[in-house]
Amino acid sequence: MFDISTFPKADAVRRAAQLSQEDYRRLYRESIEHPTAFWAEQATRFLDWSTPWQTVQRYDLKTGEAAWFAGGKLNVS
């Protein structure tokens, strides 16, 4: 059998975290309740688009096709 060990986070890791638990829960809730608005905000806040997108998300559950930020272009390698 496997032994699974878990270790508490070091205080330095806790202090370096960018989000509080409260902020994390708020962002998670927003991502579930309003996914299009949430991801549009994240993409605008954290990425520089050379060409803006026309549609944040598009999907077809019958065919399994999905697209995110259709029409948008990033200068990323």
PDB file of N, CA and C in Angstrom:
ATOM      1  N   MET A   1       0.834  -1.185   0.000  1.00  0.00           N
ATOM      2  CA  MET A   1       0.000   0.000   0.000  1.00  0.00           C
ATOM      3  C   MET A   1       0.880   1.250   0.000  1.00  0.00           C
ATOM      4  N   PHE A   2       0.238   2.345  -0.287  1.00  0.00           N
ATOM      5  CA  PHE A   2       0.934   3.624  -0.322  1.00  0.00           C
ATOM      6  C   PHE A   2       0.698   4.382   0.974  1.00  0.00           C
ATOM      7  N   ASP A   3       1.732   5.014   1.451  1.00  0.00           N
ATOM      8  CA  ASP A   3       1.588   5.937   2.571  1.00  0.00           C
ATOM      9  C   ASP A   3       1.432   7.337   1.996  1.00  0.00           C
ATOM     10  N   ILE A   4       0.408   8.018   2.410  1.00  0.00           N
ATOM     11  CA  ILE A   4       0.170   9.379   1.937  1.00  0.00           C
ATOM     12  C   ILE A   4       0.457  10.327   3.083  1.00  0.00           C
ATOM     13  N   SER A   5       1.335  11.251   2.819  1.00  0.00           N
ATOM     14  CA  SER A   5       1.693  12.236   3.835  1.00  0.00           C
ATOM     15  C   SER A   5       1.229  13.606   3.392  1.00  0.00           C
ATOM     16  N   THR A   6       0.745  14.365   4.308  1.00  0.00           N
ATOM     17  CA  THR A   6       0.423  15.764   4.036  1.00  0.00           C
ATOM     18  C   THR A   6       1.192  16.611   5.032  1.00  0.00           C
ATOM     19  N   PHE A   7       1.527  17.794   4.594  1.00  0.00           N
ATOM     20  CA  PHE A   7       2.325  18.677   5.428  1.00  0.00           C
ATOM     21  C   PHE A   7       1.646  20.036   5.503  1.00  0.00           C
ATOM     22  N   PRO A   8       1.611  20.625   6.674  1.00  0.00           N
ATOM     23  CA  PRO A   8       1.010  21.957   6.783  1.00  0.00           C
ATOM     24  C   PRO A   8       1.849  22.975   6.012  1.00  0.00           C
ATOM     25  N   LYS A   9       1.184  24.010   5.533  1.00  0.00           N
ATOM     26  CA  LYS A   9       1.899  25.066   4.810  1.00  0.00           C
ATOM     27  C   LYS A   9       2.781  25.854   5.773  1.00  0.00           C
ATOM     28  N   ALA A  10       3.950  26.155   5.296  1.00  0.00           N
ATOM     29  CA  ALA A  10       4.857  26.979   6.092  1.00  0.00           C
ATOM     30  C   ALA A  10       4.289  28.393   6.197  1.00  0.00           C
ATOM     31  N   ASP A  11       4.594  29.072   7.282  1.00  0.00           N
ATOM     32  CA  ASP A  11       4.098  30.439   7.465  1.00  0.00           C
ATOM     33  C   ASP A  11       4.512  31.346   6.314  1.00  0.00           C
ATOM     34  N   ALA A  12       5.712  31.151   5.790  1.00  0.00           N
ATOM     35  CA  ALA A  12       6.179  31.983   4.674  1.00  0.00           C
ATOM     36  C   ALA A  12       5.298  31.790   3.450  1.00  0.00           C
ATOM     37  N   VAL A  13       4.854  30.581   3.214  1.00  0.00           N
ATOM     38  CA  VAL A  13       3.973  30.310   2.072  1.00  0.00           C
ATOM     39  C   VAL A  13       2.629  30.986   2.295  1.00  0.00           C
ATOM     40  N   ARG A  14       2.104  30.892   3.490  1.00  0.00           N
ATOM     41  CA  ARG A  14       0.826  31.546   3.799  1.00  0.00           C
ATOM     42  C   ARG A  14       0.917  33.057   3.587  1.00  0.00           C
ATOM     43  N   ARG A  15       2.009  33.654   4.056  1.00  0.00           N
ATOM     44  CA  ARG A  15       2.165  35.107   3.923  1.00  0.00           C
ATOM     45  C   ARG A  15       2.334  35.525   2.466  1.00  0.00           C
ATOM     46  N   ALA A  16       2.923  34.670   1.644  1.00  0.00           N
ATOM     47  CA  ALA A  16       3.176  35.006   0.242  1.00  0.00           C
ATOM     48  C   ALA A  16       1.949  34.805  -0.639  1.00  0.00           C
ATOM     49  N   ALA A  17       0.919  34.177  -0.125  1.00  0.00           N
ATOM     50  CA  ALA A  17      -0.278  33.914  -0.929  1.00  0.00           C
ATOM     51  C   ALA A  17      -0.867  35.230  -1.424  1.00  0.00           C
ATOM     52  N   GLN A  18      -1.290  35.232  -2.652  1.00  0.00           N
ATOM     53  CA  GLN A  18      -1.848  36.434  -3.254  1.00  0.00           C
ATOM     54  C   GLN A  18      -3.310  36.655  -2.883  1.00  0.00           C
ATOM     55  N   LEU A  19      -3.986  35.607  -2.458  1.00  0.00           N
ATOM     56  CA  LEU A  19      -5.408  35.694  -2.136  1.00  0.00           C
ATOM     57  C   LEU A  19      -5.674  35.193  -0.729  1.00  0.00           C
ATOM     58  N   SER A  20      -6.563  35.875  -0.066  1.00  0.00           N
ATOM     59  CA  SER A  20      -7.044  35.349   1.204  1.00  0.00           C
ATOM     60  C   SER A  20      -8.063  34.253   0.890  1.00  0.00           C
ATOM     61  N   GLN A  21      -8.377  33.458   1.865  1.00  0.00           N
ATOM     62  CA  GLN A  21      -9.390  32.417   1.678  1.00  0.00           C
ATOM     63  C   GLN A  21     -10.727  33.046   1.296  1.00  0.00           C
ATOM     64  N   GLU A  22     -11.047  34.183   1.890  1.00  0.00           N
ATOM     65  CA  GLU A  22     -12.294  34.884   1.578  1.00  0.00           C
ATOM     66  C   GLU A  22     -12.309  35.351   0.119  1.00  0.00           C
ATOM     67  N   ASP A  23     -11.197  35.933  -0.343  1.00  0.00           N
ATOM     68  CA  ASP A  23     -11.119  36.377  -1.740  1.00  0.00           C
ATOM     69  C   ASP A  23     -11.210  35.196  -2.698  1.00  0.00           C
ATOM     70  N   TYR A  24     -10.547  34.108  -2.355  1.00  0.00           N
ATOM     71  CA  TYR A  24     -10.609  32.911  -3.193  1.00  0.00           C
ATOM     72  C   TYR A  24     -12.050  32.432  -3.326  1.00  0.00           C
ATOM     73  N   ARG A  25     -12.762  32.355  -2.226  1.00  0.00           N
ATOM     74  CA  ARG A  25     -14.161  31.894  -2.265  1.00  0.00           C
ATOM     75  C   ARG A  25     -15.036  32.834  -3.092  1.00  0.00           C
ATOM     76  N   ARG A  26     -14.803  34.145  -2.953  1.00  0.00           N
ATOM     77  CA  ARG A  26     -15.575  35.119  -3.724  1.00  0.00           C
ATOM     78  C   ARG A  26     -15.313  34.946  -5.220  1.00  0.00           C
ATOM     79  N   LEU A  27     -14.043  34.817  -5.602  1.00  0.00           N
ATOM     80  CA  LEU A  27     -13.712  34.630  -7.018  1.00  0.00           C
ATOM     81  C   LEU A  27     -14.275  33.318  -7.552  1.00  0.00           C
ATOM     82  N   TYR A  28     -14.179  32.268  -6.766  1.00  0.00           N
ATOM     83  CA  TYR A  28     -14.730  30.980  -7.197  1.00  0.00           C
ATOM     84  C   TYR A  28     -16.232  31.098  -7.421  1.00  0.00           C
ATOM     85  N   ARG A  29     -16.933  31.725  -6.484  1.00  0.00           N
ATOM     86  CA  ARG A  29     -18.386  31.889  -6.611  1.00  0.00           C
ATOM     87  C   ARG A  29     -18.721  32.690  -7.873  1.00  0.00           C
ATOM     88  N   GLU A  30     -17.983  33.777  -8.123  1.00  0.00           N
ATOM     89  CA  GLU A  30     -18.209  34.572  -9.336  1.00  0.00           C
ATOM     90  C   GLU A  30     -17.983  33.734 -10.589  1.00  0.00           C
ATOM     91  N   SER A  31     -16.952  32.893 -10.581  1.00  0.00           N
ATOM     92  CA  SER A  31     -16.644  32.081 -11.769  1.00  0.00           C
ATOM     93  C   SER A  31     -17.741  31.068 -12.062  1.00  0.00           C
ATOM     94  N   ILE A  32     -18.438  30.613 -11.034  1.00  0.00           N
ATOM     95  CA  ILE A  32     -19.522  29.649 -11.207  1.00  0.00           C
ATOM     96  C   ILE A  32     -20.825  30.349 -11.571  1.00  0.00           C
ATOM     97  N   GLU A  33     -21.125  31.450 -10.894  1.00  0.00           N
ATOM     98  CA  GLU A  33     -22.404  32.132 -11.093  1.00  0.00           C
ATOM     99  C   GLU A  33     -22.440  32.981 -12.361  1.00  0.00           C
ATOM    100  N   HIS A  34     -21.309  33.554 -12.749  1.00  0.00           N
ATOM    101  CA  HIS A  34     -21.242  34.449 -13.921  1.00  0.00           C
ATOM    102  C   HIS A  34     -19.965  34.162 -14.705  1.00  0.00           C
ATOM    103  N   PRO A  35     -19.850  32.971 -15.302  1.00  0.00           N
ATOM    104  CA  PRO A  35     -18.577  32.578 -15.920  1.00  0.00           C
ATOM    105  C   PRO A  35     -18.114  33.492 -17.055  1.00  0.00           C
ATOM    106  N   THR A  36     -19.006  33.931 -17.903  1.00  0.00           N
ATOM    107  CA  THR A  36     -18.585  34.769 -19.029  1.00  0.00           C
ATOM    108  C   THR A  36     -18.005  36.089 -18.536  1.00  0.00           C
ATOM    109  N   ALA A  37     -18.695  36.746 -17.633  1.00  0.00           N
ATOM    110  CA  ALA A  37     -18.202  38.015 -17.092  1.00  0.00           C
ATOM    111  C   ALA A  37     -16.912  37.807 -16.306  1.00  0.00           C
ATOM    112  N   PHE A  38     -16.847  36.731 -15.539  1.00  0.00           N
ATOM    113  CA  PHE A  38     -15.653  36.454 -14.738  1.00  0.00           C
ATOM    114  C   PHE A  38     -14.431  36.281 -15.627  1.00  0.00           C
ATOM    115  N   TRP A  39     -14.540  35.424 -16.659  1.00  0.00           N
ATOM    116  CA  TRP A  39     -13.369  35.156 -17.494  1.00  0.00           C
ATOM    117  C   TRP A  39     -13.013  36.344 -18.376  1.00  0.00           C
ATOM    118  N   ALA A  40     -14.002  37.137 -18.773  1.00  0.00           N
ATOM    119  CA  ALA A  40     -13.700  38.363 -19.522  1.00  0.00           C
ATOM    120  C   ALA A  40     -12.877  39.312 -18.659  1.00  0.00           C
ATOM    121  N   GLU A  41     -13.255  39.448 -17.395  1.00  0.00           N
ATOM    122  CA  GLU A  41     -12.510  40.317 -16.484  1.00  0.00           C
ATOM    123  C   GLU A  41     -11.088  39.805 -16.263  1.00  0.00           C
ATOM    124  N   GLN A  42     -10.931  38.508 -16.067  1.00  0.00           N
ATOM    125  CA  GLN A  42      -9.598  37.946 -15.840  1.00  0.00           C
ATOM    126  C   GLN A  42      -8.714  38.133 -17.072  1.00  0.00           C
ATOM    127  N   ALA A  43      -9.273  37.886 -18.249  1.00  0.00           N
ATOM    128  CA  ALA A  43      -8.500  38.009 -19.489  1.00  0.00           C
ATOM    129  C   ALA A  43      -8.091  39.452 -19.749  1.00  0.00           C
ATOM    130  N   THR A  44      -8.943  40.383 -19.390  1.00  0.00           N
ATOM    131  CA  THR A  44      -8.627  41.797 -19.571  1.00  0.00           C
ATOM    132  C   THR A  44      -7.613  42.265 -18.536  1.00  0.00           C
ATOM    133  N   ARG A  45      -7.755  41.778 -17.339  1.00  0.00           N
ATOM    134  CA  ARG A  45      -6.899  42.218 -16.235  1.00  0.00           C
ATOM    135  C   ARG A  45      -5.469  41.692 -16.338  1.00  0.00           C
ATOM    136  N   PHE A  46      -5.315  40.450 -16.781  1.00  0.00           N
ATOM    137  CA  PHE A  46      -4.003  39.807 -16.709  1.00  0.00           C
ATOM    138  C   PHE A  46      -3.305  39.591 -18.047  1.00  0.00           C
ATOM    139  N   LEU A  47      -3.973  39.857 -19.163  1.00  0.00           N
ATOM    140  CA  LEU A  47      -3.369  39.621 -20.473  1.00  0.00           C
ATOM    141  C   LEU A  47      -3.437  40.877 -21.325  1.00  0.00           C
ATOM    142  N   ASP A  48      -2.418  41.066 -22.161  1.00  0.00           N
ATOM    143  CA  ASP A  48      -2.411  42.157 -23.133  1.00  0.00           C
ATOM    144  C   ASP A  48      -2.766  41.572 -24.487  1.00  0.00           C
ATOM    145  N   TRP A  49      -3.895  41.952 -25.003  1.00  0.00           N
ATOM    146  CA  TRP A  49      -4.399  41.415 -26.272  1.00  0.00           C
ATOM    147  C   TRP A  49      -3.963  42.323 -27.411  1.00  0.00           C
ATOM    148  N   SER A  50      -3.318  41.747 -28.440  1.00  0.00           N
ATOM    149  CA  SER A  50      -2.985  42.539 -29.623  1.00  0.00           C
ATOM    150  C   SER A  50      -4.230  42.733 -30.479  1.00  0.00           C
ATOM    151  N   THR A  51      -5.146  41.785 -30.450  1.00  0.00           N
ATOM    152  CA  THR A  51      -6.462  41.899 -31.085  1.00  0.00           C
ATOM    153  C   THR A  51      -7.489  41.422 -30.072  1.00  0.00           C
ATOM    154  N   PRO A  52      -8.454  42.259 -29.712  1.00  0.00           N
ATOM    155  CA  PRO A  52      -9.446  41.836 -28.726  1.00  0.00           C
ATOM    156  C   PRO A  52     -10.354  40.724 -29.262  1.00  0.00           C
ATOM    157  N   TRP A  53     -10.879  39.932 -28.363  1.00  0.00           N
ATOM    158  CA  TRP A  53     -11.789  38.858 -28.745  1.00  0.00           C
ATOM    159  C   TRP A  53     -13.180  39.421 -29.014  1.00  0.00           C
ATOM    160  N   GLN A  54     -13.983  38.651 -29.761  1.00  0.00           N
ATOM    161  CA  GLN A  54     -15.381  39.014 -29.983  1.00  0.00           C
ATOM    162  C   GLN A  54     -16.312  38.249 -29.043  1.00  0.00           C
ATOM    163  N   THR A  55     -15.927  37.034 -28.691  1.00  0.00           N
ATOM    164  CA  THR A  55     -16.755  36.171 -27.850  1.00  0.00           C
ATOM    165  C   THR A  55     -15.873  35.530 -26.789  1.00  0.00           C
ATOM    166  N   VAL A  56     -16.294  35.606 -25.528  1.00  0.00           N
ATOM    167  CA  VAL A  56     -15.504  35.008 -24.452  1.00  0.00           C
ATOM    168  C   VAL A  56     -15.522  33.494 -24.557  1.00  0.00           C
ATOM    169  N   GLN A  57     -16.708  32.916 -24.648  1.00  0.00           N
ATOM    170  CA  GLN A  57     -16.796  31.457 -24.742  1.00  0.00           C
ATOM    171  C   GLN A  57     -17.918  31.060 -25.686  1.00  0.00           C
ATOM    172  N   ARG A  58     -17.674  29.965 -26.373  1.00  0.00           N
ATOM    173  CA  ARG A  58     -18.682  29.414 -27.280  1.00  0.00           C
ATOM    174  C   ARG A  58     -18.513  27.912 -27.227  1.00  0.00           C
ATOM    175  N   TYR A  59     -19.613  27.199 -27.082  1.00  0.00           N
ATOM    176  CA  TYR A  59     -19.514  25.738 -27.019  1.00  0.00           C
ATOM    177  C   TYR A  59     -20.784  25.103 -27.548  1.00  0.00           C
ATOM    178  N   ASP A  60     -20.633  23.868 -27.982  1.00  0.00           N
ATOM    179  CA  ASP A  60     -21.750  23.062 -28.468  1.00  0.00           C
ATOM    180  C   ASP A  60     -21.665  21.716 -27.756  1.00  0.00           C
ATOM    181  N   LEU A  61     -22.575  21.483 -26.843  1.00  0.00           N
ATOM    182  CA  LEU A  61     -22.533  20.251 -26.062  1.00  0.00           C
ATOM    183  C   LEU A  61     -22.799  19.013 -26.908  1.00  0.00           C
ATOM    184  N   LYS A  62     -23.488  19.173 -28.029  1.00  0.00           N
ATOM    185  CA  LYS A  62     -23.761  18.018 -28.900  1.00  0.00           C
ATOM    186  C   LYS A  62     -22.507  17.555 -29.630  1.00  0.00           C
ATOM    187  N   THR A  63     -21.709  18.499 -30.110  1.00  0.00           N
ATOM    188  CA  THR A  63     -20.519  18.130 -30.885  1.00  0.00           C
ATOM    189  C   THR A  63     -19.247  18.116 -30.037  1.00  0.00           C
ATOM    190  N   GLY A  64     -19.304  18.737 -28.880  1.00  0.00           N
ATOM    191  CA  GLY A  64     -18.121  18.806 -28.031  1.00  0.00           C
ATOM    192  C   GLY A  64     -17.167  19.927 -28.408  1.00  0.00           C
ATOM    193  N   GLU A  65     -17.553  20.746 -29.354  1.00  0.00           N
ATOM    194  CA  GLU A  65     -16.688  21.852 -29.768  1.00  0.00           C
ATOM    195  C   GLU A  65     -16.759  22.986 -28.751  1.00  0.00           C
ATOM    196  N   ALA A  66     -15.620  23.587 -28.501  1.00  0.00           N
ATOM    197  CA  ALA A  66     -15.552  24.714 -27.576  1.00  0.00           C
ATOM    198  C   ALA A  66     -14.488  25.689 -28.049  1.00  0.00           C
ATOM    199  N   ALA A  67     -14.728  26.960 -27.815  1.00  0.00           N
ATOM    200  CA  ALA A  67     -13.760  28.000 -28.154  1.00  0.00           C
ATOM    201  C   ALA A  67     -13.788  29.058 -27.060  1.00  0.00           C
ATOM    202  N   TRP A  68     -12.619  29.542 -26.721  1.00  0.00           N
ATOM    203  CA  TRP A  68     -12.489  30.602 -25.730  1.00  0.00           C
ATOM    204  C   TRP A  68     -11.836  31.808 -26.386  1.00  0.00           C
ATOM    205  N   PHE A  69     -12.372  32.976 -26.142  1.00  0.00           N
ATOM    206  CA  PHE A  69     -11.831  34.243 -26.613  1.00  0.00           C
ATOM    207  C   PHE A  69     -11.659  34.236 -28.135  1.00  0.00           C
ATOM    208  N   ALA A  70     -12.717  33.820 -28.825  1.00  0.00           N
ATOM    209  CA  ALA A  70     -12.706  33.702 -30.286  1.00  0.00           C
ATOM    210  C   ALA A  70     -12.401  35.050 -30.929  1.00  0.00           C
ATOM    211  N   GLY A  71     -11.479  35.020 -31.870  1.00  0.00           N
ATOM    212  CA  GLY A  71     -11.077  36.210 -32.597  1.00  0.00           C
ATOM    213  C   GLY A  71      -9.945  36.980 -31.943  1.00  0.00           C
ATOM    214  N   GLY A  72      -9.653  36.668 -30.692  1.00  0.00           N
ATOM    215  CA  GLY A  72      -8.602  37.382 -29.977  1.00  0.00           C
ATOM    216  C   GLY A  72      -7.219  36.860 -30.323  1.00  0.00           C
ATOM    217  N   LYS A  73      -6.234  37.746 -30.253  1.00  0.00           N
ATOM    218  CA  LYS A  73      -4.844  37.351 -30.510  1.00  0.00           C
ATOM    219  C   LYS A  73      -3.958  37.902 -29.405  1.00  0.00           C
ATOM    220  N   LEU A  74      -3.041  37.030 -28.980  1.00  0.00           N
ATOM    221  CA  LEU A  74      -2.047  37.394 -27.971  1.00  0.00           C
ATOM    222  C   LEU A  74      -0.660  37.321 -28.588  1.00  0.00           C
ATOM    223  N   ASN A  75       0.242  38.126 -28.091  1.00  0.00           N
ATOM    224  CA  ASN A  75       1.633  38.029 -28.508  1.00  0.00           C
ATOM    225  C   ASN A  75       2.347  37.174 -27.459  1.00  0.00           C
ATOM    226  N   VAL A  76       2.143  35.870 -27.569  1.00  0.00           N
ATOM    227  CA  VAL A  76       2.657  34.926 -26.575  1.00  0.00           C
ATOM    228  C   VAL A  76       3.364  33.796 -27.295  1.00  0.00           C
ATOM    229  N   SER A  77       4.466  33.357 -26.729  1.00  0.00           N
ATOM    230  CA  SER A  77       5.143  32.207 -27.334  1.00  0.00           C
ATOM    231  C   SER A  77       5.110  31.033 -26.395  1.00  0.00           C
TER     232      SER A  77
END
